[in-house]
């Protein structure tokens, strides 16, 4: 699946700023902007057919291209709303989500400075 995604992205010649890295290849990320915020839809495709269950993604780490120095992240999923760890790192924002069951919406907003 990762090789197919890389092949498709290579043919599109997408800029580096459009590439979001996920520590779990079973989690799909779709992003759009809403003013100065970014909204990311996270979908966990780790379906276990034998148990008819989606295996939660543990210790999910997203690396999102980010020009600002800091930001606030808010995750809304089946557990409710929470604030995952978000830190600036080498021109990117690294967001750490302890567990993603099936679906979540991650909203990233620049810190007001």
PDB file of N, CA and C in Angstrom:
ATOM      1  N   UNK A   1       0.831  -1.181   0.000  1.00  0.00           N
ATOM      2  CA  UNK A   1       0.000   0.000   0.000  1.00  0.00           C
ATOM      3  C   UNK A   1       0.882   1.254   0.000  1.00  0.00           C
ATOM      4  N   UNK A   2       1.956   1.275   0.784  1.00  0.00           N
ATOM      5  CA  UNK A   2       2.839   2.433   0.837  1.00  0.00           C
ATOM      6  C   UNK A   2       3.521   2.647  -0.508  1.00  0.00           C
ATOM      7  N   UNK A   3       3.958   1.564  -1.153  1.00  0.00           N
ATOM      8  CA  UNK A   3       4.621   1.688  -2.457  1.00  0.00           C
ATOM      9  C   UNK A   3       3.662   2.264  -3.495  1.00  0.00           C
ATOM     10  N   UNK A   4       2.408   1.833  -3.476  1.00  0.00           N
ATOM     11  CA  UNK A   4       1.406   2.356  -4.410  1.00  0.00           C
ATOM     12  C   UNK A   4       1.182   3.846  -4.173  1.00  0.00           C
ATOM     13  N   UNK A   5       1.078   4.238  -2.903  1.00  0.00           N
ATOM     14  CA  UNK A   5       0.862   5.653  -2.573  1.00  0.00           C
ATOM     15  C   UNK A   5       2.042   6.481  -3.055  1.00  0.00           C
ATOM     16  N   UNK A   6       3.275   6.005  -2.802  1.00  0.00           N
ATOM     17  CA  UNK A   6       4.461   6.739  -3.233  1.00  0.00           C
ATOM     18  C   UNK A   6       4.521   6.856  -4.750  1.00  0.00           C
ATOM     19  N   UNK A   7       4.138   5.798  -5.466  1.00  0.00           N
ATOM     20  CA  UNK A   7       4.141   5.829  -6.929  1.00  0.00           C
ATOM     21  C   UNK A   7       3.142   6.862  -7.445  1.00  0.00           C
ATOM     22  N   UNK A   8       1.963   6.900  -6.845  1.00  0.00           N
ATOM     23  CA  UNK A   8       0.937   7.863  -7.262  1.00  0.00           C
ATOM     24  C   UNK A   8       1.403   9.286  -6.970  1.00  0.00           C
ATOM     25  N   UNK A   9       1.921   9.523  -5.766  1.00  0.00           N
ATOM     26  CA  UNK A   9       2.402  10.865  -5.422  1.00  0.00           C
ATOM     27  C   UNK A   9       3.545  11.299  -6.325  1.00  0.00           C
ATOM     28  N   UNK A  10       4.403  10.350  -6.700  1.00  0.00           N
ATOM     29  CA  UNK A  10       5.511  10.669  -7.594  1.00  0.00           C
ATOM     30  C   UNK A  10       5.039  11.110  -8.956  1.00  0.00           C
ATOM     31  N   UNK A  11       3.955  10.522  -9.440  1.00  0.00           N
ATOM     32  CA  UNK A  11       3.443  10.892 -10.760  1.00  0.00           C
ATOM     33  C   UNK A  11       2.732  12.241 -10.735  1.00  0.00           C
ATOM     34  N   UNK A  12       2.212  12.643  -9.582  1.00  0.00           N
ATOM     35  CA  UNK A  12       1.505  13.917  -9.454  1.00  0.00           C
ATOM     36  C   UNK A  12       2.488  15.069  -9.265  1.00  0.00           C
ATOM     37  N   UNK A  13       3.659  14.768  -8.780  1.00  0.00           N
ATOM     38  CA  UNK A  13       4.681  15.757  -8.470  1.00  0.00           C
ATOM     39  C   UNK A  13       4.171  16.778  -7.449  1.00  0.00           C
ATOM     40  N   UNK A  14       3.577  16.238  -6.396  1.00  0.00           N
ATOM     41  CA  UNK A  14       3.050  17.078  -5.329  1.00  0.00           C
ATOM     42  C   UNK A  14       4.201  17.746  -4.580  1.00  0.00           C
ATOM     43  N   UNK A  15       4.029  18.998  -4.179  1.00  0.00           N
ATOM     44  CA  UNK A  15       5.089  19.678  -3.426  1.00  0.00           C
ATOM     45  C   UNK A  15       5.288  19.011  -2.064  1.00  0.00           C
ATOM     46  N   UNK A  16       6.472  19.165  -1.507  1.00  0.00           N
ATOM     47  CA  UNK A  16       6.792  18.566  -0.211  1.00  0.00           C
ATOM     48  C   UNK A  16       5.836  19.039   0.879  1.00  0.00           C
ATOM     49  N   UNK A  17       5.303  20.250   0.725  1.00  0.00           N
ATOM     50  CA  UNK A  17       4.398  20.792   1.742  1.00  0.00           C
ATOM     51  C   UNK A  17       3.057  20.068   1.778  1.00  0.00           C
ATOM     52  N   UNK A  18       2.788  19.203   0.809  1.00  0.00           N
ATOM     53  CA  UNK A  18       1.515  18.489   0.806  1.00  0.00           C
ATOM     54  C   UNK A  18       1.633  17.094   1.420  1.00  0.00           C
ATOM     55  N   UNK A  19       2.834  16.690   1.767  1.00  0.00           N
ATOM     56  CA  UNK A  19       3.085  15.333   2.251  1.00  0.00           C
ATOM     57  C   UNK A  19       2.980  15.263   3.777  1.00  0.00           C
ATOM     58  N   UNK A  20       2.037  14.477   4.275  1.00  0.00           N
ATOM     59  CA  UNK A  20       1.891  14.215   5.696  1.00  0.00           C
ATOM     60  C   UNK A  20       2.405  12.806   5.946  1.00  0.00           C
ATOM     61  N   UNK A  21       3.304  12.666   6.886  1.00  0.00           N
ATOM     62  CA  UNK A  21       3.849  11.352   7.216  1.00  0.00           C
ATOM     63  C   UNK A  21       3.105  10.790   8.419  1.00  0.00           C
ATOM     64  N   UNK A  22       2.757   9.514   8.334  1.00  0.00           N
ATOM     65  CA  UNK A  22       2.074   8.822   9.416  1.00  0.00           C
ATOM     66  C   UNK A  22       2.913   7.625   9.841  1.00  0.00           C
ATOM     67  N   UNK A  23       3.020   7.415  11.141  1.00  0.00           N
ATOM     68  CA  UNK A  23       3.776   6.272  11.640  1.00  0.00           C
ATOM     69  C   UNK A  23       3.047   4.959  11.384  1.00  0.00           C
ATOM     70  N   UNK A  24       1.758   5.023  11.071  1.00  0.00           N
ATOM     71  CA  UNK A  24       0.960   3.823  10.815  1.00  0.00           C
ATOM     72  C   UNK A  24       0.418   3.890   9.392  1.00  0.00           C
ATOM     73  N   UNK A  25       0.921   3.049   8.477  1.00  0.00           N
ATOM     74  CA  UNK A  25       0.435   3.079   7.093  1.00  0.00           C
ATOM     75  C   UNK A  25      -1.030   2.665   6.958  1.00  0.00           C
ATOM     76  N   UNK A  26      -1.611   2.101   8.013  1.00  0.00           N
ATOM     77  CA  UNK A  26      -3.025   1.728   7.984  1.00  0.00           C
ATOM     78  C   UNK A  26      -3.955   2.890   8.264  1.00  0.00           C
ATOM     79  N   UNK A  27      -3.400   4.048   8.600  1.00  0.00           N
ATOM     80  CA  UNK A  27      -4.212   5.238   8.887  1.00  0.00           C
ATOM     81  C   UNK A  27      -4.090   6.203   7.714  1.00  0.00           C
ATOM     82  N   UNK A  28      -5.219   6.508   7.103  1.00  0.00           N
ATOM     83  CA  UNK A  28      -5.278   7.438   5.979  1.00  0.00           C
ATOM     84  C   UNK A  28      -5.546   8.847   6.506  1.00  0.00           C
ATOM     85  N   UNK A  29      -4.900   9.834   5.897  1.00  0.00           N
ATOM     86  CA  UNK A  29      -5.043  11.225   6.326  1.00  0.00           C
ATOM     87  C   UNK A  29      -5.473  12.070   5.134  1.00  0.00           C
ATOM     88  N   UNK A  30      -6.556  12.812   5.296  1.00  0.00           N
ATOM     89  CA  UNK A  30      -7.015  13.766   4.288  1.00  0.00           C
ATOM     90  C   UNK A  30      -7.060  15.136   4.948  1.00  0.00           C
ATOM     91  N   UNK A  31      -6.448  16.113   4.298  1.00  0.00           N
ATOM     92  CA  UNK A  31      -6.328  17.438   4.905  1.00  0.00           C
ATOM     93  C   UNK A  31      -6.971  18.510   4.044  1.00  0.00           C
ATOM     94  N   UNK A  32      -7.558  19.495   4.712  1.00  0.00           N
ATOM     95  CA  UNK A  32      -7.966  20.717   4.024  1.00  0.00           C
ATOM     96  C   UNK A  32      -7.787  21.879   4.987  1.00  0.00           C
ATOM     97  N   UNK A  33      -7.813  23.087   4.458  1.00  0.00           N
ATOM     98  CA  UNK A  33      -7.625  24.260   5.301  1.00  0.00           C
ATOM     99  C   UNK A  33      -8.955  24.962   5.520  1.00  0.00           C
ATOM    100  N   UNK A  34      -9.036  25.588   6.651  1.00  0.00           N
ATOM    101  CA  UNK A  34     -10.213  26.359   7.030  1.00  0.00           C
ATOM    102  C   UNK A  34      -9.682  27.634   7.674  1.00  0.00           C
ATOM    103  N   UNK A  35      -9.516  28.678   6.846  1.00  0.00           N
ATOM    104  CA  UNK A  35      -8.862  29.900   7.317  1.00  0.00           C
ATOM    105  C   UNK A  35      -7.404  29.597   7.602  1.00  0.00           C
ATOM    106  N   UNK A  36      -6.941  29.916   8.811  1.00  0.00           N
ATOM    107  CA  UNK A  36      -5.549  29.636   9.167  1.00  0.00           C
ATOM    108  C   UNK A  36      -5.403  28.281   9.869  1.00  0.00           C
ATOM    109  N   UNK A  37      -6.500  27.542   9.970  1.00  0.00           N
ATOM    110  CA  UNK A  37      -6.462  26.218  10.594  1.00  0.00           C
ATOM    111  C   UNK A  37      -6.371  25.121   9.534  1.00  0.00           C
ATOM    112  N   UNK A  38      -5.836  23.990   9.939  1.00  0.00           N
ATOM    113  CA  UNK A  38      -5.830  22.810   9.088  1.00  0.00           C
ATOM    114  C   UNK A  38      -6.735  21.762   9.743  1.00  0.00           C
ATOM    115  N   UNK A  39      -7.546  21.110   8.927  1.00  0.00           N
ATOM    116  CA  UNK A  39      -8.448  20.075   9.413  1.00  0.00           C
ATOM    117  C   UNK A  39      -8.014  18.769   8.750  1.00  0.00           C
ATOM    118  N   UNK A  40      -7.723  17.774   9.569  1.00  0.00           N
ATOM    119  CA  UNK A  40      -7.270  16.486   9.058  1.00  0.00           C
ATOM    120  C   UNK A  40      -8.266  15.405   9.463  1.00  0.00           C
ATOM    121  N   UNK A  41      -8.734  14.654   8.483  1.00  0.00           N
ATOM    122  CA  UNK A  41      -9.611  13.515   8.742  1.00  0.00           C
ATOM    123  C   UNK A  41      -8.725  12.274   8.793  1.00  0.00           C
ATOM    124  N   UNK A  42      -8.785  11.552   9.887  1.00  0.00           N
ATOM    125  CA  UNK A  42      -7.970  10.358  10.090  1.00  0.00           C
ATOM    126  C   UNK A  42      -8.886   9.140  10.030  1.00  0.00           C
ATOM    127  N   UNK A  43      -8.570   8.202   9.159  1.00  0.00           N
ATOM    128  CA  UNK A  43      -9.382   6.999   9.005  1.00  0.00           C
ATOM    129  C   UNK A  43      -8.493   5.770   9.143  1.00  0.00           C
ATOM    130  N   UNK A  44      -8.824   4.920  10.097  1.00  0.00           N
ATOM    131  CA  UNK A  44      -8.056   3.719  10.386  1.00  0.00           C
ATOM    132  C   UNK A  44      -8.592   2.564   9.541  1.00  0.00           C
ATOM    133  N   UNK A  45      -7.751   2.050   8.649  1.00  0.00           N
ATOM    134  CA  UNK A  45      -8.127   0.944   7.762  1.00  0.00           C
ATOM    135  C   UNK A  45      -7.628  -0.411   8.257  1.00  0.00           C
ATOM    136  N   UNK A  46      -7.257  -0.518   9.506  1.00  0.00           N
ATOM    137  CA  UNK A  46      -6.697  -1.767  10.028  1.00  0.00           C
ATOM    138  C   UNK A  46      -7.820  -2.736  10.428  1.00  0.00           C
ATOM    139  N   UNK A  47      -8.577  -3.149   9.449  1.00  0.00           N
ATOM    140  CA  UNK A  47      -9.721  -4.043   9.679  1.00  0.00           C
ATOM    141  C   UNK A  47      -9.255  -5.487   9.771  1.00  0.00           C
ATOM    142  N   UNK A  48      -9.686  -6.170  10.830  1.00  0.00           N
ATOM    143  CA  UNK A  48      -9.389  -7.587  11.037  1.00  0.00           C
ATOM    144  C   UNK A  48     -10.643  -8.378  10.690  1.00  0.00           C
ATOM    145  N   UNK A  49     -10.627  -8.995   9.520  1.00  0.00           N
ATOM    146  CA  UNK A  49     -11.806  -9.702   9.013  1.00  0.00           C
ATOM    147  C   UNK A  49     -12.226 -10.873   9.906  1.00  0.00           C
ATOM    148  N   UNK A  50     -11.264 -11.587  10.472  1.00  0.00           N
ATOM    149  CA  UNK A  50     -11.605 -12.754  11.292  1.00  0.00           C
ATOM    150  C   UNK A  50     -12.382 -12.368  12.547  1.00  0.00           C
ATOM    151  N   UNK A  51     -12.092 -11.204  13.104  1.00  0.00           N
ATOM    152  CA  UNK A  51     -12.802 -10.747  14.302  1.00  0.00           C
ATOM    153  C   UNK A  51     -13.863  -9.689  14.013  1.00  0.00           C
ATOM    154  N   UNK A  52     -13.950  -9.255  12.727  1.00  0.00           N
ATOM    155  CA  UNK A  52     -14.867  -8.191  12.342  1.00  0.00           C
ATOM    156  C   UNK A  52     -14.672  -6.960  13.237  1.00  0.00           C
ATOM    157  N   UNK A  53     -13.414  -6.505  13.274  1.00  0.00           N
ATOM    158  CA  UNK A  53     -13.028  -5.444  14.195  1.00  0.00           C
ATOM    159  C   UNK A  53     -11.933  -4.596  13.572  1.00  0.00           C
ATOM    160  N   UNK A  54     -11.954  -3.321  13.839  1.00  0.00           N
ATOM    161  CA  UNK A  54     -10.859  -2.442  13.433  1.00  0.00           C
ATOM    162  C   UNK A  54      -9.878  -2.380  14.593  1.00  0.00           C
ATOM    163  N   UNK A  55      -8.652  -2.808  14.337  1.00  0.00           N
ATOM    164  CA  UNK A  55      -7.617  -2.791  15.359  1.00  0.00           C
ATOM    165  C   UNK A  55      -7.170  -1.346  15.580  1.00  0.00           C
ATOM    166  N   UNK A  56      -7.289  -0.839  16.801  1.00  0.00           N
ATOM    167  CA  UNK A  56      -6.884   0.549  17.051  1.00  0.00           C
ATOM    168  C   UNK A  56      -5.413   0.781  16.720  1.00  0.00           C
ATOM    169  N   UNK A  57      -5.126   1.964  16.242  1.00  0.00           N
ATOM    170  CA  UNK A  57      -3.749   2.376  15.978  1.00  0.00           C
ATOM    171  C   UNK A  57      -3.202   2.953  17.278  1.00  0.00           C
ATOM    172  N   UNK A  58      -2.124   2.387  17.756  1.00  0.00           N
ATOM    173  CA  UNK A  58      -1.511   2.836  19.017  1.00  0.00           C
ATOM    174  C   UNK A  58      -0.299   3.711  18.721  1.00  0.00           C
ATOM    175  N   UNK A  59      -0.106   4.718  19.548  1.00  0.00           N
ATOM    176  CA  UNK A  59       1.052   5.616  19.451  1.00  0.00           C
ATOM    177  C   UNK A  59       1.231   6.169  18.037  1.00  0.00           C
ATOM    178  N   UNK A  60       0.130   6.660  17.472  1.00  0.00           N
ATOM    179  CA  UNK A  60       0.143   7.249  16.136  1.00  0.00           C
ATOM    180  C   UNK A  60       0.918   8.569  16.179  1.00  0.00           C
ATOM    181  N   UNK A  61       1.825   8.716  15.231  1.00  0.00           N
ATOM    182  CA  UNK A  61       2.642   9.932  15.135  1.00  0.00           C
ATOM    183  C   UNK A  61       2.480  10.494  13.726  1.00  0.00           C
ATOM    184  N   UNK A  62       2.009  11.734  13.637  1.00  0.00           N
ATOM    185  CA  UNK A  62       1.838  12.419  12.357  1.00  0.00           C
ATOM    186  C   UNK A  62       2.869  13.528  12.251  1.00  0.00           C
ATOM    187  N   UNK A  63       3.486  13.620  11.098  1.00  0.00           N
ATOM    188  CA  UNK A  63       4.443  14.706  10.812  1.00  0.00           C
ATOM    189  C   UNK A  63       3.846  15.542   9.694  1.00  0.00           C
ATOM    190  N   UNK A  64       3.450  16.761  10.041  1.00  0.00           N
ATOM    191  CA  UNK A  64       2.695  17.631   9.146  1.00  0.00           C
ATOM    192  C   UNK A  64       3.544  18.855   8.794  1.00  0.00           C
ATOM    193  N   UNK A  65       3.738  19.132   7.507  1.00  0.00           N
ATOM    194  CA  UNK A  65       4.480  20.349   7.144  1.00  0.00           C
ATOM    195  C   UNK A  65       3.832  21.564   7.812  1.00  0.00           C
ATOM    196  N   UNK A  66       4.671  22.392   8.455  1.00  0.00           N
ATOM    197  CA  UNK A  66       4.134  23.503   9.227  1.00  0.00           C
ATOM    198  C   UNK A  66       5.122  24.652   9.211  1.00  0.00           C
ATOM    199  N   UNK A  67       4.680  25.827   8.801  1.00  0.00           N
ATOM    200  CA  UNK A  67       5.567  26.985   8.706  1.00  0.00           C
ATOM    201  C   UNK A  67       5.651  27.767   9.997  1.00  0.00           C
ATOM    202  N   UNK A  68       4.629  27.675  10.831  1.00  0.00           N
ATOM    203  CA  UNK A  68       4.644  28.423  12.085  1.00  0.00           C
ATOM    204  C   UNK A  68       5.533  27.776  13.120  1.00  0.00           C
ATOM    205  N   UNK A  69       5.792  28.518  14.197  1.00  0.00           N
ATOM    206  CA  UNK A  69       6.674  27.986  15.229  1.00  0.00           C
ATOM    207  C   UNK A  69       5.947  27.043  16.175  1.00  0.00           C
ATOM    208  N   UNK A  70       4.689  27.296  16.453  1.00  0.00           N
ATOM    209  CA  UNK A  70       3.950  26.410  17.350  1.00  0.00           C
ATOM    210  C   UNK A  70       2.467  26.414  16.985  1.00  0.00           C
ATOM    211  N   UNK A  71       1.775  25.405  17.484  1.00  0.00           N
ATOM    212  CA  UNK A  71       0.359  25.266  17.169  1.00  0.00           C
ATOM    213  C   UNK A  71      -0.334  24.472  18.270  1.00  0.00           C
ATOM    214  N   UNK A  72      -1.638  24.551  18.242  1.00  0.00           N
ATOM    215  CA  UNK A  72      -2.471  23.780  19.153  1.00  0.00           C
ATOM    216  C   UNK A  72      -3.241  22.761  18.338  1.00  0.00           C
ATOM    217  N   UNK A  73      -3.281  21.533  18.827  1.00  0.00           N
ATOM    218  CA  UNK A  73      -4.012  20.466  18.140  1.00  0.00           C
ATOM    219  C   UNK A  73      -5.182  20.015  19.007  1.00  0.00           C
ATOM    220  N   UNK A  74      -6.295  19.751  18.360  1.00  0.00           N
ATOM    221  CA  UNK A  74      -7.483  19.251  19.044  1.00  0.00           C
ATOM    222  C   UNK A  74      -8.022  18.070  18.242  1.00  0.00           C
ATOM    223  N   UNK A  75      -8.238  16.942  18.911  1.00  0.00           N
ATOM    224  CA  UNK A  75      -8.723  15.730  18.261  1.00  0.00           C
ATOM    225  C   UNK A  75     -10.125  15.406  18.752  1.00  0.00           C
ATOM    226  N   UNK A  76     -11.020  15.166  17.807  1.00  0.00           N
ATOM    227  CA  UNK A  76     -12.373  14.730  18.136  1.00  0.00           C
ATOM    228  C   UNK A  76     -12.550  13.340  17.537  1.00  0.00           C
ATOM    229  N   UNK A  77     -12.819  12.356  18.400  1.00  0.00           N
ATOM    230  CA  UNK A  77     -13.028  10.989  17.935  1.00  0.00           C
ATOM    231  C   UNK A  77     -14.081  10.317  18.816  1.00  0.00           C
ATOM    232  N   UNK A  78     -14.171   9.008  18.766  1.00  0.00           N
ATOM    233  CA  UNK A  78     -15.194   8.283  19.530  1.00  0.00           C
ATOM    234  C   UNK A  78     -15.026   8.441  21.038  1.00  0.00           C
ATOM    235  N   UNK A  79     -13.836   8.812  21.475  1.00  0.00           N
ATOM    236  CA  UNK A  79     -13.569   9.019  22.905  1.00  0.00           C
ATOM    237  C   UNK A  79     -13.976  10.417  23.367  1.00  0.00           C
ATOM    238  N   UNK A  80     -14.320  11.295  22.443  1.00  0.00           N
ATOM    239  CA  UNK A  80     -14.652  12.672  22.776  1.00  0.00           C
ATOM    240  C   UNK A  80     -13.599  13.612  22.228  1.00  0.00           C
ATOM    241  N   UNK A  81     -13.455  14.775  22.864  1.00  0.00           N
ATOM    242  CA  UNK A  81     -12.465  15.762  22.412  1.00  0.00           C
ATOM    243  C   UNK A  81     -11.279  15.750  23.367  1.00  0.00           C
ATOM    244  N   UNK A  82     -10.081  15.793  22.795  1.00  0.00           N
ATOM    245  CA  UNK A  82      -8.861  15.814  23.600  1.00  0.00           C
ATOM    246  C   UNK A  82      -7.776  16.583  22.868  1.00  0.00           C
ATOM    247  N   UNK A  83      -6.735  16.936  23.598  1.00  0.00           N
ATOM    248  CA  UNK A  83      -5.616  17.679  23.014  1.00  0.00           C
ATOM    249  C   UNK A  83      -4.379  16.795  22.987  1.00  0.00           C
ATOM    250  N   UNK A  84      -4.038  16.265  21.809  1.00  0.00           N
ATOM    251  CA  UNK A  84      -2.818  15.455  21.718  1.00  0.00           C
ATOM    252  C   UNK A  84      -1.580  16.349  21.774  1.00  0.00           C
ATOM    253  N   UNK A  85      -0.451  15.730  22.036  1.00  0.00           N
ATOM    254  CA  UNK A  85       0.815  16.450  22.060  1.00  0.00           C
ATOM    255  C   UNK A  85       1.151  16.935  20.647  1.00  0.00           C
ATOM    256  N   UNK A  86       1.519  18.209  20.519  1.00  0.00           N
ATOM    257  CA  UNK A  86       1.916  18.791  19.229  1.00  0.00           C
ATOM    258  C   UNK A  86       3.154  19.642  19.459  1.00  0.00           C
ATOM    259  N   UNK A  87       4.218  19.348  18.690  1.00  0.00           N
ATOM    260  CA  UNK A  87       5.445  20.126  18.851  1.00  0.00           C
ATOM    261  C   UNK A  87       6.085  20.397  17.499  1.00  0.00           C
ATOM    262  N   UNK A  88       6.726  21.562  17.394  1.00  0.00           N
ATOM    263  CA  UNK A  88       7.437  21.932  16.175  1.00  0.00           C
ATOM    264  C   UNK A  88       8.750  21.169  16.123  1.00  0.00           C
ATOM    265  N   UNK A  89       9.072  20.695  14.891  1.00  0.00           N
ATOM    266  CA  UNK A  89      10.301  19.916  14.724  1.00  0.00           C
ATOM    267  C   UNK A  89      10.766  20.010  13.273  1.00  0.00           C
ATOM    268  N   UNK A  90      11.834  20.744  13.010  1.00  0.00           N
ATOM    269  CA  UNK A  90      12.447  20.832  11.684  1.00  0.00           C
ATOM    270  C   UNK A  90      11.460  21.170  10.568  1.00  0.00           C
ATOM    271  N   UNK A  91      10.711  22.270  10.704  1.00  0.00           N
ATOM    272  CA  UNK A  91       9.787  22.708   9.667  1.00  0.00           C
ATOM    273  C   UNK A  91       8.503  21.901   9.581  1.00  0.00           C
ATOM    274  N   UNK A  92       8.224  21.134  10.622  1.00  0.00           N
ATOM    275  CA  UNK A  92       7.006  20.326  10.643  1.00  0.00           C
ATOM    276  C   UNK A  92       6.392  20.384  12.038  1.00  0.00           C
ATOM    277  N   UNK A  93       5.141  20.027  12.105  1.00  0.00           N
ATOM    278  CA  UNK A  93       4.456  19.875  13.381  1.00  0.00           C
ATOM    279  C   UNK A  93       4.274  18.383  13.600  1.00  0.00           C
ATOM    280  N   UNK A  94       4.767  17.886  14.709  1.00  0.00           N
ATOM    281  CA  UNK A  94       4.653  16.471  15.039  1.00  0.00           C
ATOM    282  C   UNK A  94       3.548  16.325  16.069  1.00  0.00           C
ATOM    283  N   UNK A  95       2.519  15.553  15.706  1.00  0.00           N
ATOM    284  CA  UNK A  95       1.375  15.327  16.589  1.00  0.00           C
ATOM    285  C   UNK A  95       1.393  13.859  16.998  1.00  0.00           C
ATOM    286  N   UNK A  96       1.288  13.622  18.300  1.00  0.00           N
ATOM    287  CA  UNK A  96       1.292  12.266  18.831  1.00  0.00           C
ATOM    288  C   UNK A  96      -0.075  11.945  19.422  1.00  0.00           C
ATOM    289  N   UNK A  97      -0.679  10.881  18.895  1.00  0.00           N
ATOM    290  CA  UNK A  97      -2.011  10.458  19.328  1.00  0.00           C
ATOM    291  C   UNK A  97      -1.860   9.074  19.955  1.00  0.00           C
ATOM    292  N   UNK A  98      -2.133   8.941  21.251  1.00  0.00           N
ATOM    293  CA  UNK A  98      -1.927   7.655  21.924  1.00  0.00           C
ATOM    294  C   UNK A  98      -2.722   6.497  21.310  1.00  0.00           C
ATOM    295  N   UNK A  99      -3.948   6.772  20.892  1.00  0.00           N
ATOM    296  CA  UNK A  99      -4.765   5.715  20.285  1.00  0.00           C
ATOM    297  C   UNK A  99      -5.830   6.319  19.381  1.00  0.00           C
ATOM    298  N   UNK A 100      -5.984   5.716  18.192  1.00  0.00           N
ATOM    299  CA  UNK A 100      -7.050   6.085  17.265  1.00  0.00           C
ATOM    300  C   UNK A 100      -7.830   4.818  16.961  1.00  0.00           C
ATOM    301  N   UNK A 101      -9.096   4.798  17.351  1.00  0.00           N
ATOM    302  CA  UNK A 101      -9.917   3.606  17.134  1.00  0.00           C
ATOM    303  C   UNK A 101     -10.236   3.446  15.643  1.00  0.00           C
ATOM    304  N   UNK A 102     -11.183   4.208  15.140  1.00  0.00           N
ATOM    305  CA  UNK A 102     -11.569   4.087  13.732  1.00  0.00           C
ATOM    306  C   UNK A 102     -11.428   5.388  12.963  1.00  0.00           C
ATOM    307  N   UNK A 103     -11.892   6.481  13.544  1.00  0.00           N
ATOM    308  CA  UNK A 103     -11.972   7.739  12.817  1.00  0.00           C
ATOM    309  C   UNK A 103     -11.751   8.887  13.785  1.00  0.00           C
ATOM    310  N   UNK A 104     -11.142   9.935  13.299  1.00  0.00           N
ATOM    311  CA  UNK A 104     -10.971  11.125  14.099  1.00  0.00           C
ATOM    312  C   UNK A 104     -10.805  12.347  13.218  1.00  0.00           C
ATOM    313  N   UNK A 105     -11.124  13.494  13.782  1.00  0.00           N
ATOM    314  CA  UNK A 105     -10.901  14.779  13.113  1.00  0.00           C
ATOM    315  C   UNK A 105      -9.913  15.546  13.974  1.00  0.00           C
ATOM    316  N   UNK A 106      -8.800  15.921  13.364  1.00  0.00           N
ATOM    317  CA  UNK A 106      -7.747  16.647  14.030  1.00  0.00           C
ATOM    318  C   UNK A 106      -7.744  18.073  13.496  1.00  0.00           C
ATOM    319  N   UNK A 107      -7.884  19.056  14.376  1.00  0.00           N
ATOM    320  CA  UNK A 107      -7.866  20.459  13.973  1.00  0.00           C
ATOM    321  C   UNK A 107      -6.597  21.082  14.547  1.00  0.00           C
ATOM    322  N   UNK A 108      -5.831  21.714  13.672  1.00  0.00           N
ATOM    323  CA  UNK A 108      -4.581  22.355  14.071  1.00  0.00           C
ATOM    324  C   UNK A 108      -4.720  23.846  13.824  1.00  0.00           C
ATOM    325  N   UNK A 109      -4.431  24.619  14.863  1.00  0.00           N
ATOM    326  CA  UNK A 109      -4.513  26.078  14.769  1.00  0.00           C
ATOM    327  C   UNK A 109      -3.199  26.674  15.238  1.00  0.00           C
ATOM    328  N   UNK A 110      -2.730  27.710  14.539  1.00  0.00           N
ATOM    329  CA  UNK A 110      -1.491  28.364  15.003  1.00  0.00           C
ATOM    330  C   UNK A 110      -1.734  29.029  16.363  1.00  0.00           C
ATOM    331  N   UNK A 111      -0.715  28.977  17.204  1.00  0.00           N
ATOM    332  CA  UNK A 111      -0.814  29.665  18.479  1.00  0.00           C
ATOM    333  C   UNK A 111      -0.875  31.159  18.243  1.00  0.00           C
ATOM    334  N   UNK A 112      -1.695  31.845  18.998  1.00  0.00           N
ATOM    335  CA  UNK A 112      -1.796  33.292  18.886  1.00  0.00           C
ATOM    336  C   UNK A 112      -0.587  33.907  19.584  1.00  0.00           C
ATOM    337  N   UNK A 113       0.224  34.590  18.783  1.00  0.00           N
ATOM    338  CA  UNK A 113       1.413  35.241  19.363  1.00  0.00           C
ATOM    339  C   UNK A 113       1.465  36.685  19.007  1.00  0.00           C
TER     340      UNK A 113
END
